[in-house]
Amino acid sequence: MTGLLNAFDGHYVRAGYNLVLAGLFLVNPLTMRRQRRRLEAVEQALRDRGRPSDHGTGGRSPVDSK
């Protein structure tokens, strides 16, 4: 709304800035929903993979490292 009022007053740069910010606020919930789905997919993949082994053995079990 303020973008339109600024445009009528002749402040075109400020009007454009306000309209761009309004557009970002409208798009933000859509991107957050997608980001939440991606994060859940990563968490599920980590759960399916299982616990990582000991960090000091290079991915091998301590018995195999001897």
Protein backbone atom coordinates (compact mmCIF):
# COMPACT_ATOMS: atom_id res chain seq x y z
CA MET A 1 0.00 0.00 0.00
CA THR A 2 2.77 2.44 0.88
CA GLY A 3 4.48 1.55 -2.39
CA LEU A 4 1.46 2.76 -4.30
CA LEU A 5 1.18 5.92 -2.23
CA ASN A 6 4.85 6.68 -2.81
CA ALA A 7 4.36 6.15 -6.54
CA PHE A 8 1.48 8.64 -6.59
CA ASP A 9 3.68 11.16 -4.75
CA GLY A 10 6.43 10.77 -7.33
CA HIS A 11 8.92 8.87 -5.15
CA TYR A 12 9.43 6.04 -7.62
CA VAL A 13 12.60 4.55 -6.15
CA ARG A 14 11.08 4.32 -2.69
CA ALA A 15 7.88 2.91 -4.19
CA GLY A 16 9.79 0.22 -6.04
CA TYR A 17 11.76 -0.66 -2.92
CA ASN A 18 8.56 -1.01 -0.88
CA LEU A 19 6.94 -3.18 -3.55
CA VAL A 20 9.98 -5.47 -3.73
CA LEU A 21 9.99 -5.89 0.05
CA ALA A 22 6.27 -6.65 0.03
CA GLY A 23 6.89 -9.31 -2.63
CA LEU A 24 9.63 -10.89 -0.53
CA PHE A 25 7.33 -11.07 2.46
CA LEU A 26 4.73 -12.84 0.33
CA VAL A 27 7.22 -15.38 -1.06
CA ASN A 28 8.96 -16.10 2.25
CA PRO A 29 6.34 -18.54 3.68
CA LEU A 30 6.52 -20.65 0.52
CA THR A 31 10.29 -20.96 0.68
CA MET A 32 10.23 -21.70 4.40
CA ARG A 33 7.80 -24.58 3.83
CA ARG A 34 10.11 -26.05 1.17
CA GLN A 35 13.14 -25.59 3.44
CA ARG A 36 11.34 -27.40 6.27
CA ARG A 37 10.61 -30.36 3.95
CA ARG A 38 14.26 -30.49 2.87
CA LEU A 39 15.44 -30.45 6.49
CA GLU A 40 13.03 -33.25 7.41
CA ALA A 41 14.31 -35.31 4.45
CA VAL A 42 17.91 -34.84 5.60
CA GLU A 43 17.03 -35.80 9.16
CA GLN A 44 15.22 -38.92 7.91
CA ALA A 45 18.20 -39.89 5.74
CA LEU A 46 20.53 -39.53 8.72
CA ARG A 47 18.23 -41.68 10.86
CA ASP A 48 18.07 -44.34 8.13
CA ARG A 49 21.84 -44.36 7.78
CA GLY A 50 22.37 -45.13 11.44
CA ARG A 51 24.89 -43.90 13.93
CA PRO A 52 28.32 -42.97 12.64
CA SER A 53 31.18 -45.09 13.89
CA ASP A 54 34.03 -43.83 16.06
CA HIS A 55 35.64 -40.74 14.51
CA GLY A 56 39.19 -41.87 15.25
CA THR A 57 39.01 -45.09 13.22
CA GLY A 58 38.27 -43.58 9.81
CA GLY A 59 34.84 -45.18 9.50
CA ARG A 60 35.97 -48.67 10.50
CA SER A 61 35.00 -50.40 13.68
CA PRO A 62 37.72 -50.49 16.37
CA VAL A 63 38.09 -54.28 15.86
CA ASP A 64 38.87 -53.87 12.12
CA SER A 65 41.53 -51.22 12.72
CA LYS A 66 44.02 -53.67 14.28
